[in-house]
Protein backbone atom coordinates (compact mmCIF):
# COMPACT_ATOMS: atom_id res chain seq x y z
CA MET A 1 0.06 0.06 -0.03
CA THR A 2 1.20 3.50 -0.81
CA SER A 3 2.28 6.12 1.72
CA PRO A 4 -0.41 8.33 3.25
CA ASP A 5 0.86 11.38 1.25
CA ALA A 6 0.64 9.41 -1.98
CA ARG A 7 -2.85 7.94 -1.51
CA PRO A 8 -5.61 9.46 -3.62
CA VAL A 9 -8.54 11.01 -1.91
CA ARG A 10 -11.59 8.67 -2.39
CA ILE A 11 -15.23 9.51 -1.89
CA ALA A 12 -17.73 6.94 -0.91
CA VAL A 13 -21.47 6.79 -0.23
CA GLN A 14 -23.18 4.56 2.22
CA LEU A 15 -26.62 3.78 0.79
CA GLN A 16 -28.40 2.90 3.96
CA PRO A 17 -30.71 -0.01 3.01
CA GLN A 18 -33.76 1.28 4.95
CA HIS A 19 -37.11 2.96 4.27
CA ALA A 20 -36.99 2.19 0.59
CA ASP A 21 -38.22 -0.25 -1.97
CA TYR A 22 -35.33 -2.21 -3.64
CA SER A 23 -35.99 -0.43 -6.95
CA GLY A 24 -35.04 2.82 -5.22
CA ILE A 25 -31.81 1.35 -3.89
CA ARG A 26 -30.90 -0.10 -7.30
CA ASP A 27 -31.47 3.33 -8.86
CA ALA A 28 -29.35 4.98 -6.17
CA VAL A 29 -26.44 2.67 -6.92
CA LEU A 30 -26.54 3.53 -10.61
CA ARG A 31 -26.74 7.28 -9.77
CA ALA A 32 -23.85 7.01 -7.37
CA GLU A 33 -21.59 5.22 -9.88
CA ASP A 34 -22.54 7.70 -12.65
CA LEU A 35 -21.84 10.53 -10.29
CA GLY A 36 -18.25 9.39 -9.95
CA VAL A 37 -17.95 8.10 -6.38
CA ASP A 38 -15.09 5.60 -5.74
CA VAL A 39 -16.95 3.22 -3.42
CA VAL A 40 -20.55 2.33 -2.60
CA PHE A 41 -21.19 0.91 0.87
CA ASN A 42 -24.30 -0.47 2.48
CA TRP A 43 -24.53 -1.64 6.10
CA ASP A 44 -25.16 -5.01 7.74
CA HIS A 45 -28.26 -4.73 9.90
CA PHE A 46 -31.66 -6.41 9.86
CA TYR A 47 -33.82 -3.45 10.88
CA PRO A 48 -33.65 0.27 10.28
CA LEU A 49 -31.42 2.32 12.62
CA THR A 50 -33.31 5.61 12.26
CA GLY A 51 -36.95 6.61 11.75
CA ASP A 52 -39.46 3.74 12.03
CA LEU A 53 -37.29 1.01 13.57
CA ASP A 54 -39.54 -1.61 12.09
CA GLY A 55 -39.74 -0.06 8.60
CA LYS A 56 -38.59 -1.38 5.35
CA HIS A 57 -35.05 -2.91 5.35
CA PHE A 58 -32.96 -5.33 3.27
CA GLU A 59 -30.07 -7.78 4.02
CA CYS A 60 -26.53 -6.70 3.35
CA TRP A 61 -24.63 -9.52 1.56
CA THR A 62 -27.53 -10.49 -0.70
CA MET A 63 -27.56 -6.95 -1.89
CA LEU A 64 -23.76 -6.82 -2.41
CA GLY A 65 -24.06 -9.79 -4.87
CA ALA A 66 -26.60 -7.80 -6.83
CA TRP A 67 -24.44 -4.68 -6.77
CA ALA A 68 -21.48 -6.65 -8.02
CA GLU A 69 -23.49 -7.57 -11.15
CA GLN A 70 -25.05 -4.07 -11.49
CA THR A 71 -21.97 -1.95 -11.25
CA GLU A 72 -18.85 -1.74 -13.41
CA ARG A 73 -16.31 0.58 -11.78
CA VAL A 74 -16.99 1.33 -8.14
CA GLU A 75 -15.70 -0.74 -5.29
CA ILE A 76 -18.50 -2.13 -3.14
CA GLY A 77 -18.69 -3.35 0.47
CA ALA A 78 -20.43 -3.21 3.83
CA LEU A 79 -19.72 -0.48 6.27
CA VAL A 80 -19.63 -2.73 8.20
CA THR A 81 -20.45 -6.47 8.32
CA GLY A 82 -21.55 -7.64 11.78
CA ASN A 83 -19.08 -10.40 12.62
CA GLY A 84 -21.54 -12.29 14.93
CA TYR A 85 -24.14 -12.85 12.08
CA ARG A 86 -22.28 -15.44 10.05
CA ASN A 87 -19.91 -18.26 10.42
CA PRO A 88 -16.41 -16.87 9.66
CA ASP A 89 -15.59 -19.48 7.19
CA LEU A 90 -18.88 -18.85 5.42
CA LEU A 91 -18.25 -15.14 5.38
CA GLY A 92 -14.80 -15.71 3.86
CA ASP A 93 -16.27 -17.78 1.05
CA MET A 94 -19.00 -15.25 0.49
CA ALA A 95 -16.41 -12.54 0.16
CA ARG A 96 -14.38 -14.60 -2.31
CA THR A 97 -17.54 -15.18 -4.31
CA VAL A 98 -18.57 -11.49 -4.44
CA ASP A 99 -14.95 -10.63 -5.32
CA HIS A 100 -15.34 -12.76 -8.47
CA ILE A 101 -18.78 -11.55 -9.33
CA SER A 102 -17.59 -7.96 -9.08
CA GLY A 103 -14.33 -8.59 -11.02
CA GLY A 104 -12.18 -7.75 -7.90
CA ARG A 105 -14.06 -4.73 -6.52
CA LEU A 106 -15.09 -5.91 -3.09
CA ILE A 107 -13.90 -4.27 0.12
CA LEU A 108 -14.60 -6.62 3.13
CA GLY A 109 -15.72 -4.27 5.78
CA ILE A 110 -16.27 -5.84 9.27
CA GLY A 111 -16.81 -4.96 12.90
CA ALA A 112 -17.57 -6.52 16.24
CA GLY A 113 -21.31 -5.73 16.12
CA TRP A 114 -23.37 -3.64 18.43
CA ASN A 115 -27.11 -3.46 17.69
CA GLU A 116 -28.80 -5.76 20.21
CA LYS A 117 -32.07 -5.83 18.31
CA ASP A 118 -30.42 -7.58 15.37
CA TYR A 119 -28.99 -10.26 17.67
CA ASP A 120 -32.08 -10.86 19.68
CA ASN A 121 -34.54 -11.16 16.82
CA PHE A 122 -32.39 -13.28 14.62
CA GLY A 123 -31.33 -15.71 17.40
CA TYR A 124 -27.70 -14.68 17.89
CA ASP A 125 -25.95 -14.39 21.27
CA PHE A 126 -25.43 -10.66 22.00
CA GLY A 127 -22.95 -11.38 24.70
CA THR A 128 -20.87 -8.38 25.85
CA ALA A 129 -18.67 -5.83 24.11
CA GLY A 130 -15.65 -7.87 25.30
CA SER A 131 -16.98 -11.15 24.03
CA ARG A 132 -17.92 -9.67 20.64
CA ILE A 133 -14.51 -8.25 20.16
CA ALA A 134 -12.93 -11.59 21.21
CA ALA A 135 -15.13 -13.32 18.58
CA LEU A 136 -13.95 -10.87 15.91
CA ALA A 137 -10.35 -11.58 16.90
CA GLU A 138 -10.91 -15.30 16.47
CA ALA A 139 -12.82 -14.84 13.27
CA LEU A 140 -10.40 -12.54 11.24
CA PRO A 141 -7.74 -15.15 10.53
CA ARG A 142 -10.47 -17.78 9.62
CA ILE A 143 -11.99 -15.31 7.14
CA ARG A 144 -8.75 -14.56 5.46
CA ARG A 145 -7.76 -18.22 5.33
CA ARG A 146 -11.13 -19.41 3.90
CA ALA A 147 -11.12 -16.73 1.25
CA ALA A 148 -7.51 -17.50 0.29
CA ILE A 149 -7.87 -21.32 -0.01
CA GLY A 150 -11.04 -21.17 -2.07
CA ASN A 151 -11.05 -22.56 -5.66
CA PRO A 152 -10.79 -20.34 -7.54
CA ALA A 153 -8.75 -18.05 -5.42
CA PRO A 154 -9.81 -14.45 -4.98
CA THR A 155 -8.95 -12.11 -7.86
CA ARG A 156 -6.86 -9.98 -5.49
CA ASP A 157 -5.99 -9.78 -1.86
CA ILE A 158 -9.34 -8.51 -0.79
CA PRO A 159 -8.94 -5.33 1.13
CA LEU A 160 -10.04 -5.70 4.85
CA LEU A 161 -11.67 -2.72 6.44
CA ILE A 162 -12.29 -2.83 10.16
CA GLY A 163 -14.62 -0.29 11.74
CA GLY A 164 -14.28 0.60 15.47
CA GLY A 165 -12.49 2.86 17.86
CA GLY A 166 -11.79 0.93 21.03
CA GLU A 167 -8.31 2.01 21.96
CA LYS A 168 -7.00 -1.08 23.64
CA LYS A 169 -8.61 -4.00 21.72
CA MET A 170 -10.23 -2.82 18.49
CA LEU A 171 -7.27 -0.70 17.39
CA ARG A 172 -5.00 -3.63 18.24
CA LEU A 173 -7.00 -5.81 15.80
CA VAL A 174 -6.82 -3.03 13.25
CA ALA A 175 -3.06 -2.92 13.68
CA GLU A 176 -2.78 -6.69 13.23
CA HIS A 177 -5.14 -7.18 10.35
CA ALA A 178 -6.66 -4.16 8.56
CA ASP A 179 -5.85 -2.60 5.22
CA ILE A 180 -8.41 0.19 6.01
CA TRP A 181 -9.47 1.57 9.39
CA HIS A 182 -12.90 3.33 9.62
CA SER A 183 -12.88 5.78 12.45
CA PHE A 184 -16.00 7.23 14.11
CA GLY A 185 -15.93 10.83 15.32
CA ASP A 186 -14.46 14.14 14.19
CA ALA A 187 -10.98 15.04 12.84
CA GLY A 188 -9.58 15.48 16.37
CA THR A 189 -10.66 12.04 17.40
CA LEU A 190 -9.32 10.59 14.21
CA ARG A 191 -5.89 12.20 14.80
CA ARG A 192 -5.66 11.03 18.45
CA LYS A 193 -6.72 7.50 17.77
CA SER A 194 -4.70 7.26 14.67
CA ALA A 195 -1.56 7.91 16.79
CA ILE A 196 -2.79 5.04 19.17
CA LEU A 197 -3.17 2.75 16.16
CA ASP A 198 0.43 3.48 15.04
CA ASP A 199 1.64 2.65 18.58
CA HIS A 200 -0.22 -0.75 18.31
CA GLY A 201 1.39 -1.15 14.91
CA ALA A 202 4.87 -0.66 16.36
CA ASP A 203 4.04 -3.30 18.94
CA VAL A 204 2.95 -5.94 16.36
CA GLY A 205 5.60 -5.06 13.77
CA ARG A 206 3.36 -3.43 11.17
CA ASP A 207 3.95 0.07 9.77
CA THR A 208 0.33 1.05 10.14
CA ALA A 209 1.00 4.64 9.10
CA ARG A 210 1.94 3.36 5.67
CA LEU A 211 -0.09 0.18 5.45
CA VAL A 212 -3.49 1.15 6.92
CA GLU A 213 -5.60 3.67 5.05
CA ARG A 214 -7.72 5.98 7.32
CA SER A 215 -11.46 6.18 6.60
CA ILE A 216 -14.11 8.36 8.13
CA GLY A 217 -17.68 9.47 7.64
CA VAL A 218 -18.33 13.04 6.48
CA ASP A 219 -21.32 15.25 6.28
CA GLY A 220 -22.14 18.82 5.17
CA PRO A 221 -20.19 20.63 2.47
CA PRO A 222 -16.49 19.84 1.95
CA ALA A 223 -15.53 23.49 2.48
CA GLU A 224 -16.40 23.12 6.23
CA THR A 225 -14.39 20.06 7.09
CA GLY A 226 -12.61 18.60 4.09
CA GLU A 227 -9.08 19.96 4.56
CA GLU A 228 -9.19 19.36 8.26
CA ILE A 229 -10.11 15.73 7.80
CA LEU A 230 -7.27 15.26 5.23
CA ALA A 231 -4.84 16.88 7.55
CA ALA A 232 -5.89 14.46 10.24
CA GLY A 233 -4.95 11.57 7.86
CA ALA A 234 -8.17 10.21 6.29
CA THR A 235 -8.31 9.63 2.58
CA LEU A 236 -11.52 7.57 2.30
CA LEU A 237 -14.42 9.80 3.10
CA THR A 238 -18.02 8.47 3.20
CA ILE A 239 -21.32 10.27 2.95
CA GLY A 240 -24.25 8.48 4.49
CA VAL A 241 -27.43 8.61 2.33
CA ASN A 242 -30.85 7.49 3.59
CA GLY A 243 -33.87 6.12 1.75
CA PRO A 244 -36.36 6.45 0.27
CA ASP A 245 -35.01 9.33 -1.86
CA TYR A 246 -31.21 8.77 -1.57
CA ASP A 247 -30.34 12.36 -2.22
CA LEU A 248 -26.76 12.52 -3.61
CA THR A 249 -26.37 16.33 -3.53
CA THR A 250 -23.88 16.37 -0.82
CA ALA A 251 -21.95 13.43 -2.33
CA ALA A 252 -21.78 15.38 -5.59
CA GLN A 253 -20.16 18.33 -3.68
CA TRP A 254 -17.51 16.01 -2.30
CA VAL A 255 -16.80 14.37 -5.65
CA ALA A 256 -16.39 17.86 -7.23
CA TRP A 257 -14.03 18.78 -4.34
CA ARG A 258 -12.01 15.58 -4.83
CA ASP A 259 -11.68 16.33 -8.52
CA GLU A 260 -10.63 19.99 -7.89
CA ARG A 261 -7.87 18.81 -5.55
CA ARG A 262 -6.58 16.36 -8.13
């Protein structure tokens, strides 16, 4: 992976798969790719997170398979997969399959999981924050191994994105395994936790400043926060977009800002 200074700024949208018919989501994916974004994410939940919490919603990985066929250029992935919802070996093989369907455009985003309603209503053990992080630590090598040994092998070394900000455990997993780290919070939080991540990287023998791309969610016009976020080290910037309308106006502003900087 290139050095932070050499990495291109990338703009992503997270099309939140809630409060919409699938036809609206399909249309939004096409519009996002035509707009020029670099990555289109969804999320891995079973119920909406805002608005009517029992409203319309669709499953993550089934959707990613459809997006892999529908799109031609953008990378796709979940921001992020809930580790506790699938057997790790199954998830690794799912990732390998979507990698092939997409022609090598999958980003495998994953986190420890947090939404108790998902767990309870689908029969998964919610456990504790500690047990979920421990399960993620156990799962990550299995996911990587299963994807790698599949026949045919993945088209590329599938980028692994880990989302989370726990300073002692989650950032240690990021240092050990991730190609991309998705941070939650503002530029100051990103800067502080990025330094902690690099300390973990030194402990485990990985140059995380060079090897781990920083990712963060953004909102509002880029003139307000864009340069500050870049200065804090992030190069993958994601705009969350909700259904049913999937208004890409803000995303268009960030794409134009990206292009002006280039």
